[in-house]
Amino acid sequence: PDMEILDNLKMGSYLTKAREEREKNMEEVFGLFPRLRERQWQKARTL
């Protein structure tokens, strides 16, 4: 809750292989959830 949305998403890609594909996966997530892209700098607790 006290981390920004973008950092929460980065936490989901902590494995080595996922880190290598982080930017691609991030774009796919933002494509599914445009609202997260709009609010990526907000704290998760504000959602």
All heavy atoms as atom14 arrays in JSON, in Angstrom:
{
  "sequence": "PDMEILDNLKMGSYLTKAREEREKNMEEVFGLFPRLRERQWQKARTL",
  "atom14_mask": [
    [1, 1, 1, 1, 1, 1, 1, 0, 0, 0, 0, 0, 0, 0],
    [1, 1, 1, 1, 1, 1, 1, 1, 0, 0, 0, 0, 0, 0],
    [1, 1, 1, 1, 1, 1, 1, 1, 0, 0, 0, 0, 0, 0],
    [1, 1, 1, 1, 1, 1, 1, 1, 1, 0, 0, 0, 0, 0],
    [1, 1, 1, 1, 1, 1, 1, 1, 0, 0, 0, 0, 0, 0],
    [1, 1, 1, 1, 1, 1, 1, 1, 0, 0, 0, 0, 0, 0],
    [1, 1, 1, 1, 1, 1, 1, 1, 0, 0, 0, 0, 0, 0],
    [1, 1, 1, 1, 1, 1, 1, 1, 0, 0, 0, 0, 0, 0],
    [1, 1, 1, 1, 1, 1, 1, 1, 0, 0, 0, 0, 0, 0],
    [1, 1, 1, 1, 1, 1, 1, 1, 1, 0, 0, 0, 0, 0],
    [1, 1, 1, 1, 1, 1, 1, 1, 0, 0, 0, 0, 0, 0],
    [1, 1, 1, 1, 0, 0, 0, 0, 0, 0, 0, 0, 0, 0],
    [1, 1, 1, 1, 1, 1, 0, 0, 0, 0, 0, 0, 0, 0],
    [1, 1, 1, 1, 1, 1, 1, 1, 1, 1, 1, 1, 0, 0],
    [1, 1, 1, 1, 1, 1, 1, 1, 0, 0, 0, 0, 0, 0],
    [1, 1, 1, 1, 1, 1, 1, 0, 0, 0, 0, 0, 0, 0],
    [1, 1, 1, 1, 1, 1, 1, 1, 1, 0, 0, 0, 0, 0],
    [1, 1, 1, 1, 1, 0, 0, 0, 0, 0, 0, 0, 0, 0],
    [1, 1, 1, 1, 1, 1, 1, 1, 1, 1, 1, 0, 0, 0],
    [1, 1, 1, 1, 1, 1, 1, 1, 1, 0, 0, 0, 0, 0],
    [1, 1, 1, 1, 1, 1, 1, 1, 1, 0, 0, 0, 0, 0],
    [1, 1, 1, 1, 1, 1, 1, 1, 1, 1, 1, 0, 0, 0],
    [1, 1, 1, 1, 1, 1, 1, 1, 1, 0, 0, 0, 0, 0],
    [1, 1, 1, 1, 1, 1, 1, 1, 1, 0, 0, 0, 0, 0],
    [1, 1, 1, 1, 1, 1, 1, 1, 0, 0, 0, 0, 0, 0],
    [1, 1, 1, 1, 1, 1, 1, 1, 0, 0, 0, 0, 0, 0],
    [1, 1, 1, 1, 1, 1, 1, 1, 1, 0, 0, 0, 0, 0],
    [1, 1, 1, 1, 1, 1, 1, 1, 1, 0, 0, 0, 0, 0],
    [1, 1, 1, 1, 1, 1, 1, 0, 0, 0, 0, 0, 0, 0],
    [1, 1, 1, 1, 1, 1, 1, 1, 1, 1, 1, 0, 0, 0],
    [1, 1, 1, 1, 0, 0, 0, 0, 0, 0, 0, 0, 0, 0],
    [1, 1, 1, 1, 1, 1, 1, 1, 0, 0, 0, 0, 0, 0],
    [1, 1, 1, 1, 1, 1, 1, 1, 1, 1, 1, 0, 0, 0],
    [1, 1, 1, 1, 1, 1, 1, 0, 0, 0, 0, 0, 0, 0],
    [1, 1, 1, 1, 1, 1, 1, 1, 1, 1, 1, 0, 0, 0],
    [1, 1, 1, 1, 1, 1, 1, 1, 0, 0, 0, 0, 0, 0],
    [1, 1, 1, 1, 1, 1, 1, 1, 1, 1, 1, 0, 0, 0],
    [1, 1, 1, 1, 1, 1, 1, 1, 1, 0, 0, 0, 0, 0],
    [1, 1, 1, 1, 1, 1, 1, 1, 1, 1, 1, 0, 0, 0],
    [1, 1, 1, 1, 1, 1, 1, 1, 1, 0, 0, 0, 0, 0],
    [1, 1, 1, 1, 1, 1, 1, 1, 1, 1, 1, 1, 1, 1],
    [1, 1, 1, 1, 1, 1, 1, 1, 1, 0, 0, 0, 0, 0],
    [1, 1, 1, 1, 1, 1, 1, 1, 1, 0, 0, 0, 0, 0],
    [1, 1, 1, 1, 1, 0, 0, 0, 0, 0, 0, 0, 0, 0],
    [1, 1, 1, 1, 1, 1, 1, 1, 1, 1, 1, 0, 0, 0],
    [1, 1, 1, 1, 1, 1, 1, 0, 0, 0, 0, 0, 0, 0],
    [1, 1, 1, 1, 1, 1, 1, 1, 0, 0, 0, 0, 0, 0]
  ],
  "atom14_positions": [
    [[0.79, -1.24, 0.0], [0.0, 0.0, 0.0], [0.82, 1.28, 0.0], [0.36, 2.3, -0.53], [-0.85, -0.12, 1.27], [-0.12, -1.09, 2.14], [0.54, -2.04, 1.2], [0.0, 0.0, 0.0], [0.0, 0.0, 0.0], [0.0, 0.0, 0.0], [0.0, 0.0, 0.0], [0.0, 0.0, 0.0], [0.0, 0.0, 0.0], [0.0, 0.0, 0.0]],
    [[1.99, 1.26, 0.6], [2.78, 2.49, 0.7], [3.81, 2.62, -0.41], [4.66, 3.52, -0.38], [3.46, 2.57, 2.07], [2.44, 2.75, 3.19], [1.49, 3.53, 3.0], [2.58, 2.09, 4.24], [0.0, 0.0, 0.0], [0.0, 0.0, 0.0], [0.0, 0.0, 0.0], [0.0, 0.0, 0.0], [0.0, 0.0, 0.0], [0.0, 0.0, 0.0]],
    [[3.74, 1.74, -1.39], [4.61, 1.85, -2.56], [3.8, 2.35, -3.74], [2.58, 2.15, -3.81], [5.22, 0.49, -2.9], [6.22, -0.01, -1.88], [6.8, -1.7, -2.22], [7.5, -1.51, -3.85], [0.0, 0.0, 0.0], [0.0, 0.0, 0.0], [0.0, 0.0, 0.0], [0.0, 0.0, 0.0], [0.0, 0.0, 0.0], [0.0, 0.0, 0.0]],
    [[4.47, 3.05, -4.67], [3.79, 3.52, -5.86], [3.36, 2.33, -6.72], [3.91, 1.23, -6.64], [4.72, 4.43, -6.67], [5.04, 5.73, -5.96], [6.06, 6.57, -6.71], [6.65, 6.05, -7.69], [6.26, 7.74, -6.33], [0.0, 0.0, 0.0], [0.0, 0.0, 0.0], [0.0, 0.0, 0.0], [0.0, 0.0, 0.0], [0.0, 0.0, 0.0]],
    [[2.34, 2.56, -7.53], [1.82, 1.51, -8.4], [2.93, 0.93, -9.28], [3.05, -0.28, -9.44], [0.67, 2.07, -9.26], [-0.54, 2.34, -8.38], [0.31, 1.14, -10.4], [-1.61, 3.19, -9.02], [0.0, 0.0, 0.0], [0.0, 0.0, 0.0], [0.0, 0.0, 0.0], [0.0, 0.0, 0.0], [0.0, 0.0, 0.0], [0.0, 0.0, 0.0]],
    [[3.75, 1.79, -9.84], [4.83, 1.33, -10.71], [5.77, 0.4, -9.97], [6.19, -0.63, -10.5], [5.59, 2.54, -11.27], [6.68, 2.23, -12.29], [6.08, 1.58, -13.54], [7.43, 3.51, -12.67], [0.0, 0.0, 0.0], [0.0, 0.0, 0.0], [0.0, 0.0, 0.0], [0.0, 0.0, 0.0], [0.0, 0.0, 0.0], [0.0, 0.0, 0.0]],
    [[6.11, 0.75, -8.72], [7.02, -0.09, -7.95], [6.35, -1.4, -7.55], [7.03, -2.44, -7.45], [7.51, 0.67, -6.71], [8.48, 1.79, -7.06], [9.15, 1.67, -8.1], [8.56, 2.77, -6.31], [0.0, 0.0, 0.0], [0.0, 0.0, 0.0], [0.0, 0.0, 0.0], [0.0, 0.0, 0.0], [0.0, 0.0, 0.0], [0.0, 0.0, 0.0]],
    [[5.05, -1.38, -7.29], [4.34, -2.63, -7.04], [4.49, -3.56, -8.23], [4.76, -4.76, -8.08], [2.86, -2.35, -6.78], [2.52, -2.17, -5.32], [2.21, -3.12, -4.61], [2.57, -0.92, -4.86], [0.0, 0.0, 0.0], [0.0, 0.0, 0.0], [0.0, 0.0, 0.0], [0.0, 0.0, 0.0], [0.0, 0.0, 0.0], [0.0, 0.0, 0.0]],
    [[4.28, -3.02, -9.43], [4.4, -3.84, -10.62], [5.82, -4.38, -10.8], [6.01, -5.55, -11.16], [3.97, -3.05, -11.86], [2.48, -2.69, -11.92], [2.21, -1.75, -13.08], [1.62, -3.94, -12.04], [0.0, 0.0, 0.0], [0.0, 0.0, 0.0], [0.0, 0.0, 0.0], [0.0, 0.0, 0.0], [0.0, 0.0, 0.0], [0.0, 0.0, 0.0]],
    [[6.8, -3.56, -10.52], [8.18, -4.02, -10.63], [8.46, -5.16, -9.66], [9.24, -6.08, -9.95], [9.15, -2.87, -10.38], [9.18, -1.84, -11.52], [10.14, -0.71, -11.19], [10.2, 0.31, -12.34], [11.12, 1.44, -12.01], [0.0, 0.0, 0.0], [0.0, 0.0, 0.0], [0.0, 0.0, 0.0], [0.0, 0.0, 0.0], [0.0, 0.0, 0.0]],
    [[7.8, -5.12, -8.48], [7.98, -6.19, -7.5], [7.5, -7.53, -8.05], [7.97, -8.58, -7.65], [7.23, -5.86, -6.21], [7.86, -4.76, -5.38], [9.46, -5.25, -4.68], [8.92, -6.45, -3.46], [0.0, 0.0, 0.0], [0.0, 0.0, 0.0], [0.0, 0.0, 0.0], [0.0, 0.0, 0.0], [0.0, 0.0, 0.0], [0.0, 0.0, 0.0]],
    [[6.54, -7.47, -8.97], [6.04, -8.7, -9.57], [7.02, -9.34, -10.54], [6.84, -10.49, -10.93], [0.0, 0.0, 0.0], [0.0, 0.0, 0.0], [0.0, 0.0, 0.0], [0.0, 0.0, 0.0], [0.0, 0.0, 0.0], [0.0, 0.0, 0.0], [0.0, 0.0, 0.0], [0.0, 0.0, 0.0], [0.0, 0.0, 0.0], [0.0, 0.0, 0.0]],
    [[8.06, -8.6, -10.92], [9.03, -9.12, -11.9], [10.42, -9.28, -11.27], [11.42, -8.91, -11.87], [9.11, -8.18, -13.11], [9.52, -6.88, -12.71], [0.0, 0.0, 0.0], [0.0, 0.0, 0.0], [0.0, 0.0, 0.0], [0.0, 0.0, 0.0], [0.0, 0.0, 0.0], [0.0, 0.0, 0.0], [0.0, 0.0, 0.0], [0.0, 0.0, 0.0]],
    [[10.44, -9.83, -10.07], [11.71, -9.96, -9.36], [12.57, -11.11, -9.86], [13.78, -11.14, -9.65], [11.48, -10.1, -7.85], [10.8, -11.38, -7.44], [11.55, -12.5, -7.08], [9.42, -11.48, -7.41], [10.93, -13.67, -6.71], [8.79, -12.65, -7.04], [9.55, -13.75, -6.69], [8.92, -14.91, -6.33], [0.0, 0.0, 0.0], [0.0, 0.0, 0.0]],
    [[11.95, -12.09, -10.52], [12.74, -13.19, -11.05], [13.59, -12.73, -12.23], [13.21, -11.81, -12.95], [11.82, -14.33, -11.5], [10.98, -14.99, -10.42], [10.03, -15.99, -11.03], [11.86, -15.66, -9.36], [0.0, 0.0, 0.0], [0.0, 0.0, 0.0], [0.0, 0.0, 0.0], [0.0, 0.0, 0.0], [0.0, 0.0, 0.0], [0.0, 0.0, 0.0]],
    [[14.73, -13.38, -12.43], [15.67, -12.94, -13.45], [15.04, -12.87, -14.83], [15.15, -11.86, -15.54], [16.89, -13.88, -13.49], [17.52, -13.88, -12.2], [17.89, -13.43, -14.54], [0.0, 0.0, 0.0], [0.0, 0.0, 0.0], [0.0, 0.0, 0.0], [0.0, 0.0, 0.0], [0.0, 0.0, 0.0], [0.0, 0.0, 0.0], [0.0, 0.0, 0.0]],
    [[14.35, -13.93, -15.24], [13.74, -13.95, -16.57], [12.69, -12.86, -16.71], [12.6, -12.19, -17.75], [13.12, -15.32, -16.84], [12.54, -15.44, -18.24], [11.99, -16.83, -18.48], [11.38, -16.93, -19.89], [10.82, -18.27, -20.15], [0.0, 0.0, 0.0], [0.0, 0.0, 0.0], [0.0, 0.0, 0.0], [0.0, 0.0, 0.0], [0.0, 0.0, 0.0]],
    [[11.9, -12.66, -15.65], [10.86, -11.62, -15.7], [11.47, -10.23, -15.75], [10.94, -9.33, -16.43], [9.93, -11.76, -14.5], [0.0, 0.0, 0.0], [0.0, 0.0, 0.0], [0.0, 0.0, 0.0], [0.0, 0.0, 0.0], [0.0, 0.0, 0.0], [0.0, 0.0, 0.0], [0.0, 0.0, 0.0], [0.0, 0.0, 0.0], [0.0, 0.0, 0.0]],
    [[12.59, -10.02, -15.06], [13.26, -8.71, -15.11], [13.72, -8.41, -16.52], [13.67, -7.26, -16.97], [14.45, -8.68, -14.14], [14.08, -8.55, -12.69], [15.24, -8.04, -11.85], [16.43, -8.86, -11.97], [16.71, -9.91, -11.19], [15.85, -10.28, -10.25], [17.83, -10.59, -11.36], [0.0, 0.0, 0.0], [0.0, 0.0, 0.0], [0.0, 0.0, 0.0]],
    [[14.18, -9.42, -17.23], [14.65, -9.23, -18.6], [13.52, -8.79, -19.53], [13.77, -8.14, -20.54], [15.3, -10.52, -19.11], [16.59, -10.89, -18.39], [17.09, -12.26, -18.76], [16.36, -12.98, -19.49], [18.2, -12.64, -18.33], [0.0, 0.0, 0.0], [0.0, 0.0, 0.0], [0.0, 0.0, 0.0], [0.0, 0.0, 0.0], [0.0, 0.0, 0.0]],
    [[12.29, -9.18, -19.19], [11.14, -8.86, -20.04], [10.23, -7.83, -19.37], [9.06, -7.71, -19.72], [10.36, -10.14, -20.33], [11.18, -11.19, -21.07], [10.41, -12.46, -21.33], [9.33, -12.65, -20.73], [10.87, -13.26, -22.16], [0.0, 0.0, 0.0], [0.0, 0.0, 0.0], [0.0, 0.0, 0.0], [0.0, 0.0, 0.0], [0.0, 0.0, 0.0]],
    [[10.78, -7.09, -18.42], [9.96, -6.18, -17.61], [9.24, -5.14, -18.45], [8.04, -4.91, -18.27], [10.84, -5.5, -16.55], [10.09, -4.49, -15.69], [11.0, -3.9, -14.63], [11.25, -4.87, -13.58], [12.19, -4.7, -12.63], [12.98, -3.63, -12.68], [12.35, -5.59, -11.68], [0.0, 0.0, 0.0], [0.0, 0.0, 0.0], [0.0, 0.0, 0.0]],
    [[9.93, -4.5, -19.36], [9.31, -3.42, -20.13], [8.17, -3.95, -21.01], [7.1, -3.34, -21.09], [10.37, -2.71, -20.99], [11.43, -1.98, -20.18], [10.83, -1.02, -19.16], [9.87, -0.28, -19.53], [11.29, -0.99, -18.01], [0.0, 0.0, 0.0], [0.0, 0.0, 0.0], [0.0, 0.0, 0.0], [0.0, 0.0, 0.0], [0.0, 0.0, 0.0]],
    [[8.4, -5.09, -21.63], [7.35, -5.69, -22.47], [6.14, -6.08, -21.62], [4.99, -5.77, -21.98], [7.89, -6.93, -23.18], [6.84, -7.68, -24.0], [7.41, -8.92, -24.66], [7.68, -10.02, -23.66], [6.41, -10.64, -23.14], [0.0, 0.0, 0.0], [0.0, 0.0, 0.0], [0.0, 0.0, 0.0], [0.0, 0.0, 0.0], [0.0, 0.0, 0.0]],
    [[6.4, -6.72, -20.49], [5.3, -7.14, -19.62], [4.56, -5.93, -19.04], [3.33, -5.95, -18.89], [5.82, -8.02, -18.49], [6.33, -9.36, -19.0], [5.94, -9.81, -20.08], [7.2, -10.0, -18.24], [0.0, 0.0, 0.0], [0.0, 0.0, 0.0], [0.0, 0.0, 0.0], [0.0, 0.0, 0.0], [0.0, 0.0, 0.0], [0.0, 0.0, 0.0]],
    [[5.32, -4.86, -18.75], [4.69, -3.65, -18.2], [3.73, -3.06, -19.22], [2.62, -2.64, -18.88], [5.77, -2.64, -17.83], [5.26, -1.42, -17.08], [5.0, -1.73, -15.32], [6.69, -1.84, -14.73], [0.0, 0.0, 0.0], [0.0, 0.0, 0.0], [0.0, 0.0, 0.0], [0.0, 0.0, 0.0], [0.0, 0.0, 0.0], [0.0, 0.0, 0.0]],
    [[4.14, -3.02, -20.47], [3.26, -2.48, -21.51], [2.0, -3.32, -21.67], [0.91, -2.8, -21.9], [4.01, -2.37, -22.84], [4.94, -1.18, -22.93], [4.22, 0.14, -22.68], [3.17, 0.38, -23.33], [4.66, 0.9, -21.81], [0.0, 0.0, 0.0], [0.0, 0.0, 0.0], [0.0, 0.0, 0.0], [0.0, 0.0, 0.0], [0.0, 0.0, 0.0]],
    [[2.15, -4.63, -21.55], [0.98, -5.5, -21.65], [0.04, -5.27, -20.48], [-1.19, -5.25, -20.64], [1.42, -6.97, -21.71], [2.12, -7.32, -23.02], [2.46, -8.79, -23.11], [2.17, -9.54, -22.14], [3.03, -9.2, -24.14], [0.0, 0.0, 0.0], [0.0, 0.0, 0.0], [0.0, 0.0, 0.0], [0.0, 0.0, 0.0], [0.0, 0.0, 0.0]],
    [[0.58, -5.09, -19.28], [-0.26, -4.81, -18.11], [-0.97, -3.47, -18.26], [-2.18, -3.36, -18.01], [0.59, -4.84, -16.82], [-0.21, -4.28, -15.63], [1.05, -6.26, -16.51], [0.0, 0.0, 0.0], [0.0, 0.0, 0.0], [0.0, 0.0, 0.0], [0.0, 0.0, 0.0], [0.0, 0.0, 0.0], [0.0, 0.0, 0.0], [0.0, 0.0, 0.0]],
    [[-0.24, -2.46, -18.71], [-0.87, -1.15, -18.91], [-1.91, -1.2, -20.03], [-2.89, -0.46, -20.01], [0.19, -0.1, -19.23], [0.99, 0.35, -18.03], [2.29, 0.81, -18.17], [0.44, 0.33, -16.76], [3.03, 1.24, -17.08], [1.17, 0.76, -15.65], [2.46, 1.21, -15.81], [0.0, 0.0, 0.0], [0.0, 0.0, 0.0], [0.0, 0.0, 0.0]],
    [[-1.7, -2.09, -21.01], [-2.71, -2.26, -22.04], [-3.99, -2.85, -21.5], [-5.1, -2.48, -21.91], [0.0, 0.0, 0.0], [0.0, 0.0, 0.0], [0.0, 0.0, 0.0], [0.0, 0.0, 0.0], [0.0, 0.0, 0.0], [0.0, 0.0, 0.0], [0.0, 0.0, 0.0], [0.0, 0.0, 0.0], [0.0, 0.0, 0.0], [0.0, 0.0, 0.0]],
    [[-3.84, -3.78, -20.57], [-5.01, -4.37, -19.92], [-5.68, -3.4, -18.96], [-6.91, -3.36, -18.84], [-4.6, -5.63, -19.13], [-4.47, -6.94, -19.88], [-3.85, -7.99, -18.96], [-5.83, -7.43, -20.37], [0.0, 0.0, 0.0], [0.0, 0.0, 0.0], [0.0, 0.0, 0.0], [0.0, 0.0, 0.0], [0.0, 0.0, 0.0], [0.0, 0.0, 0.0]],
    [[-4.86, -2.61, -18.26], [-5.36, -1.74, -17.21], [-4.87, -0.31, -17.43], [-3.92, 0.15, -16.77], [-4.9, -2.23, -15.83], [-5.23, -3.66, -15.55], [-4.22, -4.61, -15.41], [-6.54, -4.09, -15.41], [-4.51, -5.93, -15.13], [-6.85, -5.41, -15.13], [-5.83, -6.33, -14.99], [0.0, 0.0, 0.0], [0.0, 0.0, 0.0], [0.0, 0.0, 0.0]],
    [[-5.46, 0.42, -18.37], [-5.01, 1.8, -18.64], [-5.02, 2.7, -17.4], [-4.22, 3.61, -17.29], [-6.02, 2.29, -19.69], [-6.54, 1.05, -20.34], [-6.56, 0.01, -19.27], [0.0, 0.0, 0.0], [0.0, 0.0, 0.0], [0.0, 0.0, 0.0], [0.0, 0.0, 0.0], [0.0, 0.0, 0.0], [0.0, 0.0, 0.0], [0.0, 0.0, 0.0]],
    [[-5.92, 2.4, -16.47], [-5.99, 3.22, -15.27], [-4.71, 3.14, -14.45], [-4.31, 4.1, -13.79], [-7.19, 2.79, -14.42], [-7.63, 3.83, -13.4], [-8.95, 3.48, -12.77], [-10.0, 3.25, -13.76], [-11.28, 3.1, -13.46], [-11.67, 3.15, -12.19], [-12.17, 2.91, -14.4], [0.0, 0.0, 0.0], [0.0, 0.0, 0.0], [0.0, 0.0, 0.0]],
    [[-4.05, 1.98, -14.47], [-2.78, 1.86, -13.75], [-1.7, 2.71, -14.4], [-0.84, 3.27, -13.71], [-2.34, 0.39, -13.7], [-3.26, -0.57, -12.94], [-2.64, -1.97, -12.91], [-3.55, -0.08, -11.53], [0.0, 0.0, 0.0], [0.0, 0.0, 0.0], [0.0, 0.0, 0.0], [0.0, 0.0, 0.0], [0.0, 0.0, 0.0], [0.0, 0.0, 0.0]],
    [[-1.72, 2.79, -15.73], [-0.75, 3.67, -16.4], [-0.98, 5.12, -15.98], [-0.03, 5.85, -15.68], [-0.88, 3.54, -17.91], [0.19, 4.35, -18.67], [-0.15, 4.5, -20.14], [-0.23, 3.24, -20.85], [0.83, 2.64, -21.4], [2.03, 3.18, -21.3], [0.68, 1.5, -22.05], [0.0, 0.0, 0.0], [0.0, 0.0, 0.0], [0.0, 0.0, 0.0]],
    [[-2.24, 5.54, -15.96], [-2.58, 6.92, -15.61], [-2.13, 7.25, -14.19], [-1.77, 8.39, -13.91], [-4.09, 7.12, -15.73], [-4.65, 6.98, -17.14], [-6.16, 6.89, -17.16], [-6.77, 7.02, -16.06], [-6.74, 6.68, -18.24], [0.0, 0.0, 0.0], [0.0, 0.0, 0.0], [0.0, 0.0, 0.0], [0.0, 0.0, 0.0], [0.0, 0.0, 0.0]],
    [[-2.16, 6.27, -13.31], [-1.91, 6.53, -11.89], [-0.63, 5.88, -11.38], [-0.49, 5.66, -10.18], [-3.11, 6.04, -11.07], [-4.42, 6.63, -11.53], [-5.58, 6.22, -10.67], [-6.83, 6.8, -11.17], [-7.99, 6.74, -10.55], [-8.08, 6.14, -9.4], [-9.08, 7.29, -11.07], [0.0, 0.0, 0.0], [0.0, 0.0, 0.0], [0.0, 0.0, 0.0]],
    [[0.28, 5.58, -12.28], [1.44, 4.77, -11.91], [2.3, 5.38, -10.82], [3.03, 4.66, -10.13], [2.28, 4.46, -13.15], [2.83, 5.69, -13.85], [3.58, 5.31, -15.11], [4.68, 4.76, -15.07], [2.98, 5.59, -16.27], [0.0, 0.0, 0.0], [0.0, 0.0, 0.0], [0.0, 0.0, 0.0], [0.0, 0.0, 0.0], [0.0, 0.0, 0.0]],
    [[2.23, 6.71, -10.63], [3.05, 7.35, -9.6], [2.31, 7.49, -8.27], [2.89, 7.98, -7.3], [3.51, 8.72, -10.08], [4.2, 8.67, -11.41], [3.77, 9.19, -12.59], [5.44, 8.02, -11.7], [4.65, 8.91, -13.61], [5.69, 8.2, -13.1], [6.37, 7.3, -10.94], [6.82, 7.68, -13.72], [7.49, 6.79, -11.57], [7.71, 6.98, -12.94]],
    [[1.05, 7.08, -8.21], [0.29, 7.15, -6.96], [0.65, 5.99, -6.04], [1.08, 4.93, -6.49], [-1.22, 7.1, -7.23], [-1.78, 8.33, -7.89], [-3.28, 8.24, -8.07], [-3.82, 8.75, -9.05], [-3.97, 7.58, -7.15], [0.0, 0.0, 0.0], [0.0, 0.0, 0.0], [0.0, 0.0, 0.0], [0.0, 0.0, 0.0], [0.0, 0.0, 0.0]],
    [[0.45, 6.2, -4.73], [0.59, 5.11, -3.78], [-0.57, 4.13, -3.97], [-1.71, 4.51, -4.25], [0.55, 5.65, -2.34], [1.61, 6.69, -2.03], [2.99, 6.06, -1.89], [3.99, 7.1, -1.36], [5.37, 6.56, -1.29], [0.0, 0.0, 0.0], [0.0, 0.0, 0.0], [0.0, 0.0, 0.0], [0.0, 0.0, 0.0], [0.0, 0.0, 0.0]],
    [[-0.3, 2.87, -3.78], [-1.32, 1.84, -3.98], [-2.48, 2.0, -3.0], [-3.62, 1.66, -3.32], [-0.71, 0.46, -3.83], [0.0, 0.0, 0.0], [0.0, 0.0, 0.0], [0.0, 0.0, 0.0], [0.0, 0.0, 0.0], [0.0, 0.0, 0.0], [0.0, 0.0, 0.0], [0.0, 0.0, 0.0], [0.0, 0.0, 0.0], [0.0, 0.0, 0.0]],
    [[-2.23, 2.58, -1.83], [-3.3, 2.74, -0.85], [-4.35, 3.76, -1.29], [-5.43, 3.82, -0.7], [-2.73, 3.14, 0.52], [-1.91, 4.41, 0.52], [-1.38, 4.7, 1.93], [-0.3, 5.65, 1.92], [-0.43, 6.96, 1.77], [-1.63, 7.48, 1.61], [0.62, 7.76, 1.78], [0.0, 0.0, 0.0], [0.0, 0.0, 0.0], [0.0, 0.0, 0.0]],
    [[-4.07, 4.55, -2.31], [-5.04, 5.54, -2.79], [-6.04, 4.93, -3.77], [-7.0, 5.6, -4.18], [-4.33, 6.72, -3.48], [-3.71, 6.26, -4.69], [-3.29, 7.33, -2.57], [0.0, 0.0, 0.0], [0.0, 0.0, 0.0], [0.0, 0.0, 0.0], [0.0, 0.0, 0.0], [0.0, 0.0, 0.0], [0.0, 0.0, 0.0], [0.0, 0.0, 0.0]],
    [[-5.85, 3.67, -4.14], [-6.71, 3.04, -5.13], [-7.99, 2.51, -4.5], [-8.03, 2.16, -3.32], [-5.98, 1.87, -5.8], [-4.69, 2.2, -6.55], [-4.06, 0.92, -7.09], [-4.96, 3.18, -7.68], [0.0, 0.0, 0.0], [0.0, 0.0, 0.0], [0.0, 0.0, 0.0], [0.0, 0.0, 0.0], [0.0, 0.0, 0.0], [0.0, 0.0, 0.0]]
  ]
}
